[in-house]
C-alpha atoms as a PDB file:
ATOM      1  CA  MET A   1       0.000   0.000   0.000  1.00  0.00           C
ATOM      2  CA  ASN A   2       1.521   3.328  -0.987  1.00  0.00           C
ATOM      3  CA  ARG A   3       1.980   6.191   1.436  1.00  0.00           C
ATOM      4  CA  HIS A   4      -0.709   8.378  -0.135  1.00  0.00           C
ATOM      5  CA  ILE A   5      -3.406   5.720   0.227  1.00  0.00           C
ATOM      6  CA  ALA A   6      -2.345   4.987   3.817  1.00  0.00           C
ATOM      7  CA  SER A   7      -2.435   8.711   4.640  1.00  0.00           C
ATOM      8  CA  SER A   8      -5.884   9.003   3.058  1.00  0.00           C
ATOM      9  CA  ILE A   9      -7.206   6.055   5.045  1.00  0.00           C
ATOM     10  CA  VAL A  10      -5.869   7.523   8.286  1.00  0.00           C
ATOM     11  CA  SER A  11      -7.292  10.987   7.564  1.00  0.00           C
ATOM     12  CA  THR A  12     -10.730   9.574   6.711  1.00  0.00           C
ATOM     13  CA  ALA A  13     -10.753   7.363   9.794  1.00  0.00           C
ATOM     14  CA  LEU A  14      -9.651  10.227  12.060  1.00  0.00           C
ATOM     15  CA  LEU A  15     -12.175  12.658  10.629  1.00  0.00           C
ATOM     16  CA  SER A  16     -14.981  10.083  10.823  1.00  0.00           C
ATOM     17  CA  GLY A  17     -13.962   9.177  14.379  1.00  0.00           C
ATOM     18  CA  PHE A  18     -13.930  12.830  15.400  1.00  0.00           C
ATOM     19  CA  ILE A  19     -17.396  13.365  13.933  1.00  0.00           C
ATOM     20  CA  TRP A  20     -18.669  10.206  15.648  1.00  0.00           C
ATOM     21  CA  TRP A  21     -17.182  11.327  18.966  1.00  0.00           C
ATOM     22  CA  ILE A  22     -18.981  14.690  18.671  1.00  0.00           C
ATOM     23  CA  LEU A  23     -22.293  13.126  17.643  1.00  0.00           C
ATOM     24  CA  SER A  24     -22.166  10.575  20.465  1.00  0.00           C
ATOM     25  CA  ASP A  25     -21.129  13.144  23.101  1.00  0.00           C
ATOM     26  CA  GLY A  26     -18.007  11.097  23.762  1.00  0.00           C
ATOM     27  CA  VAL A  27     -19.907   8.085  25.125  1.00  0.00           C
ATOM     28  CA  TRP A  28     -17.523   5.139  24.846  1.00  0.00           C
ATOM     29  CA  ALA A  29     -20.326   2.559  24.607  1.00  0.00           C
ATOM     30  CA  SER A  30     -21.377   4.110  21.287  1.00  0.00           C
ATOM     31  CA  TRP A  31     -18.166   2.877  19.651  1.00  0.00           C
ATOM     32  CA  ILE A  32     -19.771  -0.557  19.323  1.00  0.00           C
ATOM     33  CA  ILE A  33     -21.695   1.001  16.444  1.00  0.00           C
ATOM     34  CA  GLY A  34     -19.213   3.783  15.674  1.00  0.00           C
ATOM     35  CA  LEU A  35     -16.205   1.625  14.825  1.00  0.00           C
ATOM     36  CA  PRO A  36     -18.014  -0.539  12.239  1.00  0.00           C
ATOM     37  CA  THR A  37     -19.549   2.632  10.785  1.00  0.00           C
ATOM     38  CA  ILE A  38     -16.107   4.236  10.429  1.00  0.00           C
ATOM     39  CA  LEU A  39     -14.754   1.092   8.765  1.00  0.00           C
ATOM     40  CA  LEU A  40     -17.665   1.169   6.304  1.00  0.00           C
ATOM     41  CA  ILE A  41     -16.959   4.839   5.530  1.00  0.00           C
ATOM     42  CA  VAL A  42     -13.276   4.142   4.912  1.00  0.00           C
ATOM     43  CA  GLY A  43     -14.126   1.144   2.719  1.00  0.00           C
ATOM     44  CA  TRP A  44     -16.705   3.112   0.752  1.00  0.00           C
ATOM     45  CA  ASN A  45     -14.263   5.974   0.204  1.00  0.00           C
ATOM     46  CA  LEU A  46     -11.614   3.569  -1.076  1.00  0.00           C
ATOM     47  CA  ASN A  47     -13.999   2.550  -3.851  1.00  0.00           C
ATOM     48  CA  GLN A  48     -14.677   6.136  -4.971  1.00  0.00           C
ATOM     49  CA  GLY A  49     -12.513   7.175  -7.919  1.00  0.00           C
ATOM     50  CA  THR A  50      -8.979   6.014  -8.447  1.00  0.00           C
ATOM     51  CA  PRO A  51      -7.032   5.094  -5.306  1.00  0.00           C
ATOM     52  CA  SER A  52      -4.568   7.927  -5.854  1.00  0.00           C
ATOM     53  CA  GLN A  53      -7.281  10.577  -5.623  1.00  0.00           C
ATOM     54  CA  SER A  54     -10.143   8.950  -3.753  1.00  0.00           C
ATOM     55  CA  LEU A  55      -9.403  10.250  -0.266  1.00  0.00           C
ATOM     56  CA  PRO A  56      -8.064  13.543   1.010  1.00  0.00           C
ATOM     57  CA  ARG A  57      -4.592  13.605   2.512  1.00  0.00           C
ATOM     58  CA  PHE A  58      -4.387  14.163   6.269  1.00  0.00           C
ATOM     59  CA  PHE A  59      -2.124  17.219   6.048  1.00  0.00           C
ATOM     60  CA  GLY A  60      -4.118  18.465   3.066  1.00  0.00           C
ATOM     61  CA  LEU A  61      -7.206  18.300   5.267  1.00  0.00           C
ATOM     62  CA  LEU A  62      -5.474  20.298   8.006  1.00  0.00           C
ATOM     63  CA  GLU A  63      -4.642  22.973   5.428  1.00  0.00           C
ATOM     64  CA  PHE A  64      -8.042  22.940   3.698  1.00  0.00           C
ATOM     65  CA  LEU A  65     -10.362  23.062   6.732  1.00  0.00           C
ATOM     66  CA  PRO A  66      -9.416  26.606   7.896  1.00  0.00           C
ATOM     67  CA  TYR A  67      -9.770  27.889   4.313  1.00  0.00           C
ATOM     68  CA  PHE A  68     -13.136  26.133   3.956  1.00  0.00           C
ATOM     69  CA  LEU A  69     -14.478  27.458   7.263  1.00  0.00           C
ATOM     70  CA  TRP A  70     -13.232  31.011   6.599  1.00  0.00           C
ATOM     71  CA  GLU A  71     -14.689  31.132   3.076  1.00  0.00           C
ATOM     72  CA  SER A  72     -18.007  29.702   4.314  1.00  0.00           C
ATOM     73  CA  LEU A  73     -18.229  32.388   6.982  1.00  0.00           C
ATOM     74  CA  ARG A  74     -17.132  35.115   4.573  1.00  0.00           C
ATOM     75  CA  GLY A  75     -19.635  33.907   1.959  1.00  0.00           C
ATOM     76  CA  GLY A  76     -22.525  33.952   4.428  1.00  0.00           C
ATOM     77  CA  ILE A  77     -21.667  37.429   5.674  1.00  0.00           C
ATOM     78  CA  ASP A  78     -21.231  38.762   2.126  1.00  0.00           C
ATOM     79  CA  VAL A  79     -24.586  37.421   0.920  1.00  0.00           C
ATOM     80  CA  ALA A  80     -26.370  38.680   4.053  1.00  0.00           C
ATOM     81  CA  ARG A  81     -24.801  42.119   3.607  1.00  0.00           C
ATOM     82  CA  LEU A  82     -25.890  42.251  -0.032  1.00  0.00           C
ATOM     83  CA  ALA A  83     -29.410  41.075   0.758  1.00  0.00           C
ATOM     84  CA  LEU A  84     -29.897  43.526   3.620  1.00  0.00           C
ATOM     85  CA  ALA A  85     -28.421  46.559   1.857  1.00  0.00           C
ATOM     86  CA  PRO A  86     -31.158  49.117   1.040  1.00  0.00           C
ATOM     87  CA  ASN A  87     -30.156  49.330  -2.630  1.00  0.00           C
ATOM     88  CA  MET A  88     -29.244  45.587  -2.967  1.00  0.00           C
ATOM     89  CA  PRO A  89     -26.038  46.150  -4.958  1.00  0.00           C
ATOM     90  CA  ILE A  90     -26.239  42.965  -7.001  1.00  0.00           C
ATOM     91  CA  ASP A  91     -25.676  42.402 -10.685  1.00  0.00           C
ATOM     92  CA  PRO A  92     -26.287  38.658 -11.167  1.00  0.00           C
ATOM     93  CA  CYS A  93     -24.658  36.823 -14.042  1.00  0.00           C
ATOM     94  CA  PHE A  94     -23.285  33.438 -15.057  1.00  0.00           C
ATOM     95  CA  THR A  95     -19.635  32.743 -15.862  1.00  0.00           C
ATOM     96  CA  VAL A  96     -17.971  29.705 -17.380  1.00  0.00           C
ATOM     97  CA  TYR A  97     -14.968  28.185 -15.606  1.00  0.00           C
ATOM     98  CA  ASP A  98     -12.709  25.573 -17.240  1.00  0.00           C
ATOM     99  CA  LEU A  99     -12.101  22.779 -14.730  1.00  0.00           C
ATOM    100  CA  ARG A 100      -8.560  21.487 -14.295  1.00  0.00           C
ATOM    101  CA  LEU A 101      -9.251  18.839 -11.648  1.00  0.00           C
ATOM    102  CA  PRO A 102      -9.837  15.283 -12.880  1.00  0.00           C
ATOM    103  CA  LYS A 103     -13.309  13.788 -12.576  1.00  0.00           C
ATOM    104  CA  GLY A 104     -13.896  12.161  -9.224  1.00  0.00           C
ATOM    105  CA  PRO A 105     -13.974  13.124  -5.574  1.00  0.00           C
ATOM    106  CA  ALA A 106     -11.636  16.125  -5.867  1.00  0.00           C
ATOM    107  CA  GLN A 107     -13.731  17.676  -8.623  1.00  0.00           C
ATOM    108  CA  ARG A 108     -16.929  17.092  -6.632  1.00  0.00           C
ATOM    109  CA  VAL A 109     -15.434  18.743  -3.532  1.00  0.00           C
ATOM    110  CA  PHE A 110     -14.375  21.741  -5.632  1.00  0.00           C
ATOM    111  CA  ILE A 111     -17.796  22.136  -7.271  1.00  0.00           C
ATOM    112  CA  ASN A 112     -19.530  22.000  -3.887  1.00  0.00           C
ATOM    113  CA  THR A 113     -17.024  24.374  -2.276  1.00  0.00           C
ATOM    114  CA  VAL A 114     -17.569  26.988  -5.008  1.00  0.00           C
ATOM    115  CA  SER A 115     -21.100  27.452  -3.687  1.00  0.00           C
ATOM    116  CA  LEU A 116     -19.627  28.602  -0.370  1.00  0.00           C
ATOM    117  CA  LEU A 117     -17.375  31.275  -1.854  1.00  0.00           C
ATOM    118  CA  PRO A 118     -18.737  34.796  -1.399  1.00  0.00           C
ATOM    119  CA  GLY A 119     -21.456  35.504  -3.967  1.00  0.00           C
ATOM    120  CA  THR A 120     -21.024  32.334  -6.047  1.00  0.00           C
ATOM    121  CA  LEU A 121     -23.053  29.219  -6.712  1.00  0.00           C
ATOM    122  CA  SER A 122     -22.229  26.185  -8.856  1.00  0.00           C
ATOM    123  CA  ALA A 123     -25.121  26.170 -11.307  1.00  0.00           C
ATOM    124  CA  ASP A 124     -24.285  23.479 -13.866  1.00  0.00           C
ATOM    125  CA  LEU A 125     -21.539  21.219 -15.142  1.00  0.00           C
ATOM    126  CA  LEU A 126     -21.133  20.845 -18.895  1.00  0.00           C
ATOM    127  CA  ARG A 127     -18.307  18.497 -19.841  1.00  0.00           C
ATOM    128  CA  GLU A 128     -15.201  20.095 -18.283  1.00  0.00           C
ATOM    129  CA  LYS A 129     -16.801  23.499 -17.746  1.00  0.00           C
ATOM    130  CA  LEU A 130     -18.456  24.697 -14.567  1.00  0.00           C
ATOM    131  CA  ILE A 131     -21.240  27.253 -14.923  1.00  0.00           C
ATOM    132  CA  VAL A 132     -21.041  29.596 -11.942  1.00  0.00           C
ATOM    133  CA  HIS A 133     -23.789  32.005 -10.894  1.00  0.00           C
ATOM    134  CA  ARG A 134     -22.402  35.210  -9.367  1.00  0.00           C
ATOM    135  CA  LEU A 135     -24.341  37.810  -7.420  1.00  0.00           C
ATOM    136  CA  ARG A 136     -22.151  40.592  -8.749  1.00  0.00           C
ATOM    137  CA  GLY A 137     -20.877  41.108 -12.276  1.00  0.00           C
ATOM    138  CA  ALA A 138     -18.221  38.823 -13.666  1.00  0.00           C
ATOM    139  CA  PRO A 139     -14.733  39.560 -12.371  1.00  0.00           C
ATOM    140  CA  ASP A 140     -11.907  40.299 -14.771  1.00  0.00           C
ATOM    141  CA  ASP A 141     -10.548  36.893 -13.902  1.00  0.00           C
ATOM    142  CA  ASP A 142     -11.622  33.856 -11.919  1.00  0.00           C
ATOM    143  CA  GLN A 143      -8.879  34.165  -9.292  1.00  0.00           C
ATOM    144  CA  ASP A 144     -11.202  33.081  -6.471  1.00  0.00           C
ATOM    145  CA  LEU A 145     -12.129  29.918  -8.371  1.00  0.00           C
ATOM    146  CA  ARG A 146      -8.529  29.151  -9.361  1.00  0.00           C
ATOM    147  CA  GLU A 147      -7.390  29.534  -5.745  1.00  0.00           C
ATOM    148  CA  CYS A 148     -10.181  27.248  -4.516  1.00  0.00           C
ATOM    149  CA  GLU A 149      -9.396  24.641  -7.171  1.00  0.00           C
ATOM    150  CA  GLN A 150      -5.695  24.754  -6.266  1.00  0.00           C
ATOM    151  CA  ARG A 151      -6.503  24.248  -2.581  1.00  0.00           C
ATOM    152  CA  VAL A 152      -8.735  21.261  -3.380  1.00  0.00           C
ATOM    153  CA  ALA A 153      -5.939  19.837  -5.548  1.00  0.00           C
ATOM    154  CA  ARG A 154      -3.529  20.103  -2.593  1.00  0.00           C
ATOM    155  CA  LEU A 155      -6.152  18.488  -0.355  1.00  0.00           C
ATOM    156  CA  TYR A 156      -6.038  15.418  -2.609  1.00  0.00           C
ATOM    157  CA  GLY A 157      -2.304  15.601  -3.371  1.00  0.00           C
ATOM    158  CA  LEU A 158      -2.885  16.518  -7.024  1.00  0.00           C
ATOM    159  CA  THR A 159      -0.871  18.918  -9.137  1.00  0.00           C
ATOM    160  CA  LEU A 160      -2.665  21.277 -11.499  1.00  0.00           C
ATOM    161  CA  THR A 161      -1.067  22.689 -14.570  1.00  0.00           C
ATOM    162  CA  ASP A 162      -1.684  26.402 -14.779  1.00  0.00           C
ATOM    163  CA  ALA A 163      -3.311  26.967 -18.118  1.00  0.00           C
ATOM    164  CA  ASP A 164      -2.986  30.415 -19.626  1.00  0.00           C
ATOM    165  CA  PRO A 165      -5.877  32.359 -18.020  1.00  0.00           C
ATOM    166  CA  SER A 166      -6.520  34.066 -21.346  1.00  0.00           C
ATOM    167  CA  GLN A 167      -7.329  30.624 -22.769  1.00  0.00           C
ATOM    168  CA  SER A 168     -10.048  30.084 -20.220  1.00  0.00           C
ATOM    169  CA  ASN A 169     -13.265  32.026 -20.390  1.00  0.00           C
ATOM    170  CA  PRO A 170     -13.042  34.731 -17.697  1.00  0.00           C
ATOM    171  CA  GLY A 171     -14.938  37.131 -19.935  1.00  0.00           C
ATOM    172  CA  ALA A 172     -17.493  34.541 -20.983  1.00  0.00           C
ATOM    173  CA  SER A 173     -20.550  35.598 -19.085  1.00  0.00           C
ATOM    174  CA  TRP A 174     -24.152  36.293 -19.722  1.00  0.00           C
ATOM    175  CA  SER A 175     -26.799  37.964 -17.614  1.00  0.00           C
END
């Protein structure tokens, strides 16, 4: 078993165990059910995608979680501020983002995380292009999406090649 798969198994087991511990209020007797449940989760995750990208890396998870929590909080505050502003300064549009992550768990995590970025929502997936709904006009570039995708890649131990941003569709938007 290679080191990446072992690290992924450990990170999934630790995260699942931590969640179980919280849900069970730390009651040790609950581990009679918790341990088999964690083993099922680890086994299920091993069968998702290719082994090299099926599970997040432990240290990748430690790096990703603060980013995820911060962006979720920032996104909620930003949307609430926009919605409660007297003049509602929104200019909704759709943009097209060229995905660089391979199909599988990493791509799914990225697509779901985009919906937590301030003012964005994953609207559709067409081949290797993600349609993103934005509350404010399209940015000059998709730096927020590229940063998020890069962080998800690191979470799974993947390396992205930086395509020329002018080749992607940062200006491709429609209202």
